[in-house]
Amino acid sequence: QVQPAESGGGVVQAGDSLTLSCSVSGGTFVGDDMVAWYRQAPGKEREVIGTITWDAGSRHYADSMRGRFTIYRNYHENRAWLHMNGLKPEDAAIYYCKIQQDSIVYWGQGTQITVSA
C-alpha cells in the first residue's frame, strides 16, 4: 500500500523559508497521480494549500495560499516538495501530503511547523 511520508518540519522564525518533502513508500508515484499539500492548525479545519499532477506538473493553489507557497516535484527523485517563504506565526500547523492514485487517497502522518515571532 502506498504510504506518503512528510519530512522537513521544525521550529523556524518568522520570515524564514522552509521546504517540506513528500516521499512515498510501498509504491511509487505514477503518471496520473495528484499530490496535494494540506495543513491543519490547532483548533482549525484542515485546509488545502495546493496540488500538483505528477506527470504534467500542473499546479493549482488555494487563493489564500498564492504567493508564498510553491509546490513542485522531481520525477527522478520520486518526491514532491512544498516550499514556503516568509513564514508567519499563523502558518504554524501540521502539514500533510496527500496522494491520490485513481480513486484512492493516501495521507501521510504530517510534519509539524512551529513559527516563532
PDB file of N, CA and C in Angstrom:
ATOM      1  N   GLN A   1       0.838  -1.182   0.000  1.00  0.00           N
ATOM      2  CA  GLN A   1       0.000   0.000   0.000  1.00  0.00           C
ATOM      3  C   GLN A   1       0.882   1.244   0.000  1.00  0.00           C
ATOM      4  N   VAL A   2       0.491   2.193  -0.815  1.00  0.00           N
ATOM      5  CA  VAL A   2       1.245   3.442  -0.897  1.00  0.00           C
ATOM      6  C   VAL A   2       1.122   4.199   0.419  1.00  0.00           C
ATOM      7  N   GLN A   3       2.236   4.677   0.913  1.00  0.00           N
ATOM      8  CA  GLN A   3       2.243   5.458   2.143  1.00  0.00           C
ATOM      9  C   GLN A   3       3.096   6.698   1.951  1.00  0.00           C
ATOM     10  N   PRO A   4       2.469   7.881   1.928  1.00  0.00           N
ATOM     11  CA  PRO A   4       3.251   9.108   1.850  1.00  0.00           C
ATOM     12  C   PRO A   4       3.947   9.393   3.180  1.00  0.00           C
ATOM     13  N   ALA A   5       5.065  10.061   3.101  1.00  0.00           N
ATOM     14  CA  ALA A   5       5.786  10.439   4.313  1.00  0.00           C
ATOM     15  C   ALA A   5       6.319  11.849   4.146  1.00  0.00           C
ATOM     16  N   GLU A   6       5.906  12.733   5.048  1.00  0.00           N
ATOM     17  CA  GLU A   6       6.379  14.104   5.030  1.00  0.00           C
ATOM     18  C   GLU A   6       7.615  14.238   5.910  1.00  0.00           C
ATOM     19  N   SER A   7       8.452  15.170   5.562  1.00  0.00           N
ATOM     20  CA  SER A   7       9.611  15.490   6.386  1.00  0.00           C
ATOM     21  C   SER A   7       9.994  16.946   6.147  1.00  0.00           C
ATOM     22  N   GLY A   8      10.798  17.466   7.066  1.00  0.00           N
ATOM     23  CA  GLY A   8      11.301  18.818   6.904  1.00  0.00           C
ATOM     24  C   GLY A   8      10.716  19.833   7.861  1.00  0.00           C
ATOM     25  N   GLY A   9       9.765  19.420   8.674  1.00  0.00           N
ATOM     26  CA  GLY A   9       9.169  20.347   9.626  1.00  0.00           C
ATOM     27  C   GLY A   9      10.121  20.681  10.754  1.00  0.00           C
ATOM     28  N   GLY A  10       9.735  21.636  11.566  1.00  0.00           N
ATOM     29  CA  GLY A  10      10.561  22.023  12.688  1.00  0.00           C
ATOM     30  C   GLY A  10      10.162  23.381  13.217  1.00  0.00           C
ATOM     31  N   VAL A  11      11.062  23.985  13.961  1.00  0.00           N
ATOM     32  CA  VAL A  11      10.827  25.302  14.531  1.00  0.00           C
ATOM     33  C   VAL A  11      11.601  26.327  13.713  1.00  0.00           C
ATOM     34  N   VAL A  12      10.916  27.339  13.244  1.00  0.00           N
ATOM     35  CA  VAL A  12      11.547  28.394  12.459  1.00  0.00           C
ATOM     36  C   VAL A  12      11.141  29.740  13.038  1.00  0.00           C
ATOM     37  N   GLN A  13      11.817  30.771  12.568  1.00  0.00           N
ATOM     38  CA  GLN A  13      11.467  32.127  12.982  1.00  0.00           C
ATOM     39  C   GLN A  13      10.627  32.801  11.904  1.00  0.00           C
ATOM     40  N   ALA A  14       9.826  33.724  12.327  1.00  0.00           N
ATOM     41  CA  ALA A  14       9.013  34.474  11.368  1.00  0.00           C
ATOM     42  C   ALA A  14       9.931  35.091  10.310  1.00  0.00           C
ATOM     43  N   GLY A  15       9.504  34.957   9.062  1.00  0.00           N
ATOM     44  CA  GLY A  15      10.298  35.463   7.957  1.00  0.00           C
ATOM     45  C   GLY A  15      11.172  34.430   7.292  1.00  0.00           C
ATOM     46  N   ASP A  16      11.374  33.295   7.957  1.00  0.00           N
ATOM     47  CA  ASP A  16      12.201  32.231   7.391  1.00  0.00           C
ATOM     48  C   ASP A  16      11.493  31.550   6.230  1.00  0.00           C
ATOM     49  N   SER A  17      12.274  30.823   5.472  1.00  0.00           N
ATOM     50  CA  SER A  17      11.754  29.944   4.438  1.00  0.00           C
ATOM     51  C   SER A  17      11.979  28.501   4.860  1.00  0.00           C
ATOM     52  N   LEU A  18      11.158  27.618   4.341  1.00  0.00           N
ATOM     53  CA  LEU A  18      11.258  26.207   4.698  1.00  0.00           C
ATOM     54  C   LEU A  18      10.715  25.378   3.556  1.00  0.00           C
ATOM     55  N   THR A  19      11.320  24.221   3.348  1.00  0.00           N
ATOM     56  CA  THR A  19      10.844  23.304   2.316  1.00  0.00           C
ATOM     57  C   THR A  19      10.518  21.960   2.944  1.00  0.00           C
ATOM     58  N   LEU A  20       9.311  21.502   2.717  1.00  0.00           N
ATOM     59  CA  LEU A  20       8.879  20.188   3.175  1.00  0.00           C
ATOM     60  C   LEU A  20       8.955  19.208   2.016  1.00  0.00           C
ATOM     61  N   SER A  21       9.195  17.963   2.354  1.00  0.00           N
ATOM     62  CA  SER A  21       9.317  16.911   1.359  1.00  0.00           C
ATOM     63  C   SER A  21       8.231  15.861   1.555  1.00  0.00           C
ATOM     64  N   CYS A  22       7.766  15.316   0.459  1.00  0.00           N
ATOM     65  CA  CYS A  22       6.815  14.204   0.496  1.00  0.00           C
ATOM     66  C   CYS A  22       7.394  13.062  -0.324  1.00  0.00           C
ATOM     67  N   SER A  23       7.727  11.986   0.343  1.00  0.00           N
ATOM     68  CA  SER A  23       8.196  10.791  -0.347  1.00  0.00           C
ATOM     69  C   SER A  23       7.131   9.717  -0.213  1.00  0.00           C
ATOM     70  N   VAL A  24       7.324   8.601  -0.884  1.00  0.00           N
ATOM     71  CA  VAL A  24       6.319   7.548  -0.833  1.00  0.00           C
ATOM     72  C   VAL A  24       6.998   6.207  -0.648  1.00  0.00           C
ATOM     73  N   SER A  25       6.418   5.392   0.199  1.00  0.00           N
ATOM     74  CA  SER A  25       6.889   4.022   0.385  1.00  0.00           C
ATOM     75  C   SER A  25       5.772   3.057   0.004  1.00  0.00           C
ATOM     76  N   GLY A  26       6.135   1.817  -0.242  1.00  0.00           N
ATOM     77  CA  GLY A  26       5.134   0.831  -0.607  1.00  0.00           C
ATOM     78  C   GLY A  26       4.627   0.986  -2.020  1.00  0.00           C
ATOM     79  N   GLY A  27       5.253   1.833  -2.778  1.00  0.00           N
ATOM     80  CA  GLY A  27       4.814   2.062  -4.145  1.00  0.00           C
ATOM     81  C   GLY A  27       5.596   3.216  -4.724  1.00  0.00           C
ATOM     82  N   THR A  28       5.083   3.811  -5.751  1.00  0.00           N
ATOM     83  CA  THR A  28       5.750   4.930  -6.390  1.00  0.00           C
ATOM     84  C   THR A  28       4.720   5.862  -6.988  1.00  0.00           C
ATOM     85  N   PHE A  29       5.132   7.061  -7.216  1.00  0.00           N
ATOM     86  CA  PHE A  29       4.260   7.988  -7.926  1.00  0.00           C
ATOM     87  C   PHE A  29       4.115   7.504  -9.362  1.00  0.00           C
ATOM     88  N   VAL A  30       2.904   7.613  -9.895  1.00  0.00           N
ATOM     89  CA  VAL A  30       2.675   7.236 -11.280  1.00  0.00           C
ATOM     90  C   VAL A  30       1.984   8.379 -12.001  1.00  0.00           C
ATOM     91  N   GLY A  31       1.885   8.246 -13.297  1.00  0.00           N
ATOM     92  CA  GLY A  31       1.535   9.344 -14.184  1.00  0.00           C
ATOM     93  C   GLY A  31       0.373  10.216 -13.785  1.00  0.00           C
ATOM     94  N   ASP A  32      -0.779   9.620 -13.488  1.00  0.00           N
ATOM     95  CA  ASP A  32      -1.976  10.428 -13.238  1.00  0.00           C
ATOM     96  C   ASP A  32      -2.151  10.804 -11.765  1.00  0.00           C
ATOM     97  N   ASP A  33      -1.185  10.517 -10.949  1.00  0.00           N
ATOM     98  CA  ASP A  33      -1.300  10.839  -9.526  1.00  0.00           C
ATOM     99  C   ASP A  33      -1.444  12.342  -9.328  1.00  0.00           C
ATOM    100  N   MET A  34      -2.162  12.686  -8.298  1.00  0.00           N
ATOM    101  CA  MET A  34      -2.200  14.072  -7.863  1.00  0.00           C
ATOM    102  C   MET A  34      -1.653  14.119  -6.444  1.00  0.00           C
ATOM    103  N   VAL A  35      -0.730  15.014  -6.225  1.00  0.00           N
ATOM    104  CA  VAL A  35      -0.162  15.222  -4.895  1.00  0.00           C
ATOM    105  C   VAL A  35      -0.699  16.540  -4.371  1.00  0.00           C
ATOM    106  N   ALA A  36      -1.185  16.521  -3.173  1.00  0.00           N
ATOM    107  CA  ALA A  36      -1.739  17.727  -2.567  1.00  0.00           C
ATOM    108  C   ALA A  36      -1.072  17.975  -1.228  1.00  0.00           C
ATOM    109  N   TRP A  37      -0.918  19.234  -0.915  1.00  0.00           N
ATOM    110  CA  TRP A  37      -0.444  19.640   0.408  1.00  0.00           C
ATOM    111  C   TRP A  37      -1.576  20.311   1.149  1.00  0.00           C
ATOM    112  N   TYR A  38      -1.727  19.911   2.416  1.00  0.00           N
ATOM    113  CA  TYR A  38      -2.723  20.486   3.307  1.00  0.00           C
ATOM    114  C   TYR A  38      -2.019  20.927   4.578  1.00  0.00           C
ATOM    115  N   ARG A  39      -2.735  21.699   5.366  1.00  0.00           N
ATOM    116  CA  ARG A  39      -2.256  21.994   6.699  1.00  0.00           C
ATOM    117  C   ARG A  39      -3.432  22.102   7.651  1.00  0.00           C
ATOM    118  N   GLN A  40      -3.130  21.855   8.912  1.00  0.00           N
ATOM    119  CA  GLN A  40      -4.164  21.961   9.940  1.00  0.00           C
ATOM    120  C   GLN A  40      -3.560  22.594  11.179  1.00  0.00           C
ATOM    121  N   ALA A  41      -4.063  23.770  11.492  1.00  0.00           N
ATOM    122  CA  ALA A  41      -3.621  24.476  12.693  1.00  0.00           C
ATOM    123  C   ALA A  41      -4.484  24.032  13.865  1.00  0.00           C
ATOM    124  N   PRO A  42      -3.990  24.197  15.093  1.00  0.00           N
ATOM    125  CA  PRO A  42      -4.760  23.783  16.263  1.00  0.00           C
ATOM    126  C   PRO A  42      -6.127  24.444  16.292  1.00  0.00           C
ATOM    127  N   GLY A  43      -7.145  23.649  16.484  1.00  0.00           N
ATOM    128  CA  GLY A  43      -8.489  24.166  16.592  1.00  0.00           C
ATOM    129  C   GLY A  43      -9.135  24.562  15.280  1.00  0.00           C
ATOM    130  N   LYS A  44      -8.450  24.300  14.178  1.00  0.00           N
ATOM    131  CA  LYS A  44      -8.979  24.679  12.868  1.00  0.00           C
ATOM    132  C   LYS A  44      -9.131  23.449  11.984  1.00  0.00           C
ATOM    133  N   GLU A  45      -9.922  23.615  10.950  1.00  0.00           N
ATOM    134  CA  GLU A  45     -10.094  22.539   9.990  1.00  0.00           C
ATOM    135  C   GLU A  45      -8.865  22.418   9.084  1.00  0.00           C
ATOM    136  N   ARG A  46      -8.697  21.223   8.559  1.00  0.00           N
ATOM    137  CA  ARG A  46      -7.620  21.021   7.607  1.00  0.00           C
ATOM    138  C   ARG A  46      -7.940  21.794   6.319  1.00  0.00           C
ATOM    139  N   GLU A  47      -6.955  22.502   5.798  1.00  0.00           N
ATOM    140  CA  GLU A  47      -7.184  23.306   4.602  1.00  0.00           C
ATOM    141  C   GLU A  47      -6.161  22.948   3.527  1.00  0.00           C
ATOM    142  N   VAL A  48      -6.601  23.024   2.307  1.00  0.00           N
ATOM    143  CA  VAL A  48      -5.713  22.699   1.199  1.00  0.00           C
ATOM    144  C   VAL A  48      -4.813  23.883   0.880  1.00  0.00           C
ATOM    145  N   ILE A  49      -3.579  23.578   0.590  1.00  0.00           N
ATOM    146  CA  ILE A  49      -2.625  24.589   0.147  1.00  0.00           C
ATOM    147  C   ILE A  49      -2.573  24.600  -1.377  1.00  0.00           C
ATOM    148  N   GLY A  50      -2.396  23.441  -1.957  1.00  0.00           N
ATOM    149  CA  GLY A  50      -2.357  23.344  -3.397  1.00  0.00           C
ATOM    150  C   GLY A  50      -2.106  21.923  -3.846  1.00  0.00           C
ATOM    151  N   THR A  51      -2.106  21.753  -5.153  1.00  0.00           N
ATOM    152  CA  THR A  51      -1.939  20.423  -5.743  1.00  0.00           C
ATOM    153  C   THR A  51      -0.976  20.483  -6.918  1.00  0.00           C
ATOM    154  N   ILE A  52      -0.445  19.311  -7.238  1.00  0.00           N
ATOM    155  CA  ILE A  52       0.381  19.184  -8.431  1.00  0.00           C
ATOM    156  C   ILE A  52       0.102  17.816  -9.041  1.00  0.00           C
ATOM    157  N   THR A  53      -0.044  17.776 -10.341  1.00  0.00           N
ATOM    158  CA  THR A  53      -0.199  16.490 -11.013  1.00  0.00           C
ATOM    159  C   THR A  53       1.184  15.932 -11.292  1.00  0.00           C
ATOM    160  N   TRP A  54       1.322  14.625 -11.084  1.00  0.00           N
ATOM    161  CA  TRP A  54       2.661  14.050 -11.137  1.00  0.00           C
ATOM    162  C   TRP A  54       3.254  14.092 -12.543  1.00  0.00           C
ATOM    163  N   ASP A  55       2.492  13.697 -13.535  1.00  0.00           N
ATOM    164  CA  ASP A  55       3.046  13.600 -14.881  1.00  0.00           C
ATOM    165  C   ASP A  55       3.272  14.967 -15.503  1.00  0.00           C
ATOM    166  N   ALA A  56       2.251  15.767 -15.530  1.00  0.00           N
ATOM    167  CA  ALA A  56       2.337  17.054 -16.218  1.00  0.00           C
ATOM    168  C   ALA A  56       2.939  18.151 -15.355  1.00  0.00           C
ATOM    169  N   GLY A  57       2.925  17.965 -14.049  1.00  0.00           N
ATOM    170  CA  GLY A  57       3.431  19.011 -13.172  1.00  0.00           C
ATOM    171  C   GLY A  57       2.539  20.234 -13.114  1.00  0.00           C
ATOM    172  N   SER A  58       1.270  20.053 -13.411  1.00  0.00           N
ATOM    173  CA  SER A  58       0.335  21.174 -13.381  1.00  0.00           C
ATOM    174  C   SER A  58      -0.031  21.508 -11.937  1.00  0.00           C
ATOM    175  N   ARG A  59       0.114  22.772 -11.590  1.00  0.00           N
ATOM    176  CA  ARG A  59      -0.090  23.187 -10.205  1.00  0.00           C
ATOM    177  C   ARG A  59      -1.294  24.101 -10.039  1.00  0.00           C
ATOM    178  N   HIS A  60      -1.983  23.932  -8.928  1.00  0.00           N
ATOM    179  CA  HIS A  60      -3.072  24.808  -8.540  1.00  0.00           C
ATOM    180  C   HIS A  60      -2.937  25.102  -7.063  1.00  0.00           C
ATOM    181  N   TYR A  61      -3.268  26.352  -6.707  1.00  0.00           N
ATOM    182  CA  TYR A  61      -3.156  26.771  -5.316  1.00  0.00           C
ATOM    183  C   TYR A  61      -4.478  27.330  -4.834  1.00  0.00           C
ATOM    184  N   ALA A  62      -4.738  27.140  -3.553  1.00  0.00           N
ATOM    185  CA  ALA A  62      -5.862  27.825  -2.942  1.00  0.00           C
ATOM    186  C   ALA A  62      -5.588  29.322  -3.003  1.00  0.00           C
ATOM    187  N   ASP A  63      -6.638  30.099  -3.170  1.00  0.00           N
ATOM    188  CA  ASP A  63      -6.457  31.545  -3.319  1.00  0.00           C
ATOM    189  C   ASP A  63      -5.666  32.151  -2.165  1.00  0.00           C
ATOM    190  N   SER A  64      -5.948  31.681  -0.968  1.00  0.00           N
ATOM    191  CA  SER A  64      -5.296  32.256   0.215  1.00  0.00           C
ATOM    192  C   SER A  64      -3.828  31.849   0.334  1.00  0.00           C
ATOM    193  N   MET A  65      -3.408  30.882  -0.481  1.00  0.00           N
ATOM    194  CA  MET A  65      -2.045  30.367  -0.392  1.00  0.00           C
ATOM    195  C   MET A  65      -1.147  30.866  -1.523  1.00  0.00           C
ATOM    196  N   ARG A  66      -1.706  31.614  -2.439  1.00  0.00           N
ATOM    197  CA  ARG A  66      -0.892  32.073  -3.561  1.00  0.00           C
ATOM    198  C   ARG A  66       0.158  33.069  -3.100  1.00  0.00           C
ATOM    199  N   GLY A  67       1.335  32.945  -3.696  1.00  0.00           N
ATOM    200  CA  GLY A  67       2.377  33.938  -3.470  1.00  0.00           C
ATOM    201  C   GLY A  67       3.518  33.448  -2.602  1.00  0.00           C
ATOM    202  N   ARG A  68       3.232  32.804  -1.479  1.00  0.00           N
ATOM    203  CA  ARG A  68       4.311  32.396  -0.577  1.00  0.00           C
ATOM    204  C   ARG A  68       4.592  30.907  -0.608  1.00  0.00           C
ATOM    205  N   PHE A  69       3.733  30.147  -1.266  1.00  0.00           N
ATOM    206  CA  PHE A  69       3.867  28.693  -1.286  1.00  0.00           C
ATOM    207  C   PHE A  69       4.094  28.209  -2.719  1.00  0.00           C
ATOM    208  N   THR A  70       5.023  27.291  -2.869  1.00  0.00           N
ATOM    209  CA  THR A  70       5.297  26.702  -4.173  1.00  0.00           C
ATOM    210  C   THR A  70       5.381  25.193  -4.034  1.00  0.00           C
ATOM    211  N   ILE A  71       4.638  24.495  -4.878  1.00  0.00           N
ATOM    212  CA  ILE A  71       4.669  23.036  -4.888  1.00  0.00           C
ATOM    213  C   ILE A  71       5.409  22.593  -6.147  1.00  0.00           C
ATOM    214  N   TYR A  72       6.296  21.647  -5.988  1.00  0.00           N
ATOM    215  CA  TYR A  72       6.957  21.091  -7.156  1.00  0.00           C
ATOM    216  C   TYR A  72       7.306  19.635  -6.909  1.00  0.00           C
ATOM    217  N   ARG A  73       7.687  18.980  -7.961  1.00  0.00           N
ATOM    218  CA  ARG A  73       8.031  17.565  -7.830  1.00  0.00           C
ATOM    219  C   ARG A  73       9.254  17.260  -8.684  1.00  0.00           C
ATOM    220  N   ASN A  74       9.940  16.191  -8.260  1.00  0.00           N
ATOM    221  CA  ASN A  74      11.103  15.738  -9.010  1.00  0.00           C
ATOM    222  C   ASN A  74      10.850  14.304  -9.446  1.00  0.00           C
ATOM    223  N   TYR A  75      10.765  14.129 -10.731  1.00  0.00           N
ATOM    224  CA  TYR A  75      10.465  12.821 -11.306  1.00  0.00           C
ATOM    225  C   TYR A  75      11.494  11.781 -10.898  1.00  0.00           C
ATOM    226  N   HIS A  76      12.750  12.153 -11.007  1.00  0.00           N
ATOM    227  CA  HIS A  76      13.822  11.172 -10.793  1.00  0.00           C
ATOM    228  C   HIS A  76      13.982  10.815  -9.323  1.00  0.00           C
ATOM    229  N   GLU A  77      13.719  11.776  -8.460  1.00  0.00           N
ATOM    230  CA  GLU A  77      13.830  11.511  -7.027  1.00  0.00           C
ATOM    231  C   GLU A  77      12.546  10.935  -6.448  1.00  0.00           C
ATOM    232  N   ASN A  78      11.496  10.903  -7.270  1.00  0.00           N
ATOM    233  CA  ASN A  78      10.225  10.344  -6.805  1.00  0.00           C
ATOM    234  C   ASN A  78       9.762  11.041  -5.529  1.00  0.00           C
ATOM    235  N   ARG A  79       9.749  12.363  -5.587  1.00  0.00           N
ATOM    236  CA  ARG A  79       9.476  13.150  -4.390  1.00  0.00           C
ATOM    237  C   ARG A  79       8.788  14.444  -4.793  1.00  0.00           C
ATOM    238  N   ALA A  80       7.934  14.913  -3.911  1.00  0.00           N
ATOM    239  CA  ALA A  80       7.287  16.211  -4.103  1.00  0.00           C
ATOM    240  C   ALA A  80       7.664  17.109  -2.935  1.00  0.00           C
ATOM    241  N   TRP A  81       7.606  18.411  -3.174  1.00  0.00           N
ATOM    242  CA  TRP A  81       8.011  19.372  -2.150  1.00  0.00           C
ATOM    243  C   TRP A  81       6.981  20.494  -2.009  1.00  0.00           C
ATOM    244  N   LEU A  82       7.009  21.098  -0.835  1.00  0.00           N
ATOM    245  CA  LEU A  82       6.275  22.327  -0.595  1.00  0.00           C
ATOM    246  C   LEU A  82       7.280  23.340  -0.069  1.00  0.00           C
ATOM    247  N   HIS A  83       7.504  24.390  -0.835  1.00  0.00           N
ATOM    248  CA  HIS A  83       8.432  25.434  -0.409  1.00  0.00           C
ATOM    249  C   HIS A  83       7.633  26.629   0.086  1.00  0.00           C
ATOM    250  N   MET A  84       8.020  27.156   1.229  1.00  0.00           N
ATOM    251  CA  MET A  84       7.293  28.252   1.851  1.00  0.00           C
ATOM    252  C   MET A  84       8.246  29.399   2.138  1.00  0.00           C
ATOM    253  N   ASN A  85       7.852  30.581   1.760  1.00  0.00           N
ATOM    254  CA  ASN A  85       8.623  31.795   2.018  1.00  0.00           C
ATOM    255  C   ASN A  85       7.919  32.675   3.038  1.00  0.00           C
ATOM    256  N   GLY A  86       8.707  33.493   3.704  1.00  0.00           N
ATOM    257  CA  GLY A  86       8.122  34.484   4.593  1.00  0.00           C
ATOM    258  C   GLY A  86       7.170  33.899   5.612  1.00  0.00           C
ATOM    259  N   LEU A  87       7.596  32.876   6.321  1.00  0.00           N
ATOM    260  CA  LEU A  87       6.695  32.207   7.254  1.00  0.00           C
ATOM    261  C   LEU A  87       6.245  33.149   8.358  1.00  0.00           C
ATOM    262  N   LYS A  88       4.994  33.004   8.731  1.00  0.00           N
ATOM    263  CA  LYS A  88       4.373  33.826   9.755  1.00  0.00           C
ATOM    264  C   LYS A  88       3.918  32.935  10.907  1.00  0.00           C
ATOM    265  N   PRO A  89       3.717  33.496  12.080  1.00  0.00           N
ATOM    266  CA  PRO A  89       3.232  32.669  13.192  1.00  0.00           C
ATOM    267  C   PRO A  89       1.937  31.934  12.850  1.00  0.00           C
ATOM    268  N   GLU A  90       1.089  32.536  12.043  1.00  0.00           N
ATOM    269  CA  GLU A  90      -0.177  31.880  11.678  1.00  0.00           C
ATOM    270  C   GLU A  90       0.011  30.724  10.709  1.00  0.00           C
ATOM    271  N   ASP A  91       1.214  30.524  10.208  1.00  0.00           N
ATOM    272  CA  ASP A  91       1.497  29.361   9.372  1.00  0.00           C
ATOM    273  C   ASP A  91       1.809  28.121  10.205  1.00  0.00           C
ATOM    274  N   ALA A  92       1.917  28.284  11.489  1.00  0.00           N
ATOM    275  CA  ALA A  92       2.186  27.135  12.358  1.00  0.00           C
ATOM    276  C   ALA A  92       1.041  26.145  12.253  1.00  0.00           C
ATOM    277  N   ALA A  93       1.391  24.905  11.972  1.00  0.00           N
ATOM    278  CA  ALA A  93       0.375  23.879  11.740  1.00  0.00           C
ATOM    279  C   ALA A  93       1.076  22.550  11.522  1.00  0.00           C
ATOM    280  N   ILE A  94       0.277  21.525  11.392  1.00  0.00           N
ATOM    281  CA  ILE A  94       0.770  20.244  10.890  1.00  0.00           C
ATOM    282  C   ILE A  94       0.508  20.233   9.392  1.00  0.00           C
ATOM    283  N   TYR A  95       1.530  19.936   8.634  1.00  0.00           N
ATOM    284  CA  TYR A  95       1.438  19.938   7.184  1.00  0.00           C
ATOM    285  C   TYR A  95       1.393  18.498   6.681  1.00  0.00           C
ATOM    286  N   TYR A  96       0.435  18.248   5.800  1.00  0.00           N
ATOM    287  CA  TYR A  96       0.192  16.899   5.312  1.00  0.00           C
ATOM    288  C   TYR A  96       0.358  16.818   3.801  1.00  0.00           C
ATOM    289  N   CYS A  97       0.828  15.664   3.378  1.00  0.00           N
ATOM    290  CA  CYS A  97       0.893  15.328   1.967  1.00  0.00           C
ATOM    291  C   CYS A  97      -0.186  14.288   1.687  1.00  0.00           C
ATOM    292  N   LYS A  98      -0.931  14.502   0.629  1.00  0.00           N
ATOM    293  CA  LYS A  98      -1.960  13.547   0.220  1.00  0.00           C
ATOM    294  C   LYS A  98      -1.685  13.120  -1.210  1.00  0.00           C
ATOM    295  N   ILE A  99      -1.754  11.834  -1.441  1.00  0.00           N
ATOM    296  CA  ILE A  99      -1.574  11.293  -2.792  1.00  0.00           C
ATOM    297  C   ILE A  99      -2.882  10.659  -3.236  1.00  0.00           C
ATOM    298  N   GLN A 100      -3.306  11.014  -4.409  1.00  0.00           N
ATOM    299  CA  GLN A 100      -4.489  10.370  -4.986  1.00  0.00           C
ATOM    300  C   GLN A 100      -4.057   9.561  -6.188  1.00  0.00           C
ATOM    301  N   GLN A 101      -4.251   8.251  -6.107  1.00  0.00           N
ATOM    302  CA  GLN A 101      -3.985   7.349  -7.230  1.00  0.00           C
ATOM    303  C   GLN A 101      -5.304   6.718  -7.635  1.00  0.00           C
ATOM    304  N   ASP A 102      -5.708   6.991  -8.862  1.00  0.00           N
ATOM    305  CA  ASP A 102      -7.042   6.612  -9.314  1.00  0.00           C
ATOM    306  C   ASP A 102      -8.046   7.201  -8.334  1.00  0.00           C
ATOM    307  N   SER A 103      -8.852   6.400  -7.723  1.00  0.00           N
ATOM    308  CA  SER A 103      -9.857   6.933  -6.802  1.00  0.00           C
ATOM    309  C   SER A 103      -9.469   6.717  -5.351  1.00  0.00           C
ATOM    310  N   ILE A 104      -8.230   6.322  -5.105  1.00  0.00           N
ATOM    311  CA  ILE A 104      -7.794   6.021  -3.742  1.00  0.00           C
ATOM    312  C   ILE A 104      -6.920   7.155  -3.232  1.00  0.00           C
ATOM    313  N   VAL A 105      -7.178   7.538  -2.001  1.00  0.00           N
ATOM    314  CA  VAL A 105      -6.455   8.645  -1.380  1.00  0.00           C
ATOM    315  C   VAL A 105      -5.604   8.108  -0.237  1.00  0.00           C
ATOM    316  N   TYR A 106      -4.371   8.559  -0.183  1.00  0.00           N
ATOM    317  CA  TYR A 106      -3.440   8.164   0.866  1.00  0.00           C
ATOM    318  C   TYR A 106      -2.917   9.419   1.548  1.00  0.00           C
ATOM    319  N   TRP A 107      -2.974   9.411   2.862  1.00  0.00           N
ATOM    320  CA  TRP A 107      -2.494  10.549   3.647  1.00  0.00           C
ATOM    321  C   TRP A 107      -1.214  10.180   4.373  1.00  0.00           C
ATOM    322  N   GLY A 108      -0.312  11.151   4.476  1.00  0.00           N
ATOM    323  CA  GLY A 108       0.842  10.987   5.328  1.00  0.00           C
ATOM    324  C   GLY A 108       0.477  11.318   6.769  1.00  0.00           C
ATOM    325  N   GLN A 109       1.440  11.125   7.659  1.00  0.00           N
ATOM    326  CA  GLN A 109       1.210  11.368   9.079  1.00  0.00           C
ATOM    327  C   GLN A 109       1.357  12.841   9.452  1.00  0.00           C
ATOM    328  N   GLY A 110       1.941  13.608   8.559  1.00  0.00           N
ATOM    329  CA  GLY A 110       2.085  15.033   8.812  1.00  0.00           C
ATOM    330  C   GLY A 110       3.425  15.382   9.440  1.00  0.00           C
ATOM    331  N   THR A 111       3.798  16.629   9.248  1.00  0.00           N
ATOM    332  CA  THR A 111       5.013  17.154   9.868  1.00  0.00           C
ATOM    333  C   THR A 111       4.695  18.525  10.457  1.00  0.00           C
ATOM    334  N   GLN A 112       5.149  18.751  11.669  1.00  0.00           N
ATOM    335  CA  GLN A 112       4.779  19.943  12.426  1.00  0.00           C
ATOM    336  C   GLN A 112       5.718  21.111  12.105  1.00  0.00           C
ATOM    337  N   ILE A 113       5.123  22.264  11.910  1.00  0.00           N
ATOM    338  CA  ILE A 113       5.896  23.504  11.785  1.00  0.00           C
ATOM    339  C   ILE A 113       5.472  24.457  12.885  1.00  0.00           C
ATOM    340  N   THR A 114       6.454  24.956  13.594  1.00  0.00           N
ATOM    341  CA  THR A 114       6.230  25.978  14.617  1.00  0.00           C
ATOM    342  C   THR A 114       6.965  27.230  14.189  1.00  0.00           C
ATOM    343  N   VAL A 115       6.289  28.362  14.227  1.00  0.00           N
ATOM    344  CA  VAL A 115       6.883  29.622  13.799  1.00  0.00           C
ATOM    345  C   VAL A 115       6.916  30.563  14.991  1.00  0.00           C
ATOM    346  N   SER A 116       8.116  30.939  15.375  1.00  0.00           N
ATOM    347  CA  SER A 116       8.253  31.865  16.494  1.00  0.00           C
ATOM    348  C   SER A 116       8.322  33.289  15.979  1.00  0.00           C
ATOM    349  N   ALA A 117       7.701  34.188  16.716  1.00  0.00           N
ATOM    350  CA  ALA A 117       7.635  35.593  16.285  1.00  0.00           C
ATOM    351  C   ALA A 117       8.979  36.300  16.464  1.00  0.00           C
TER     352      ALA A 117
END
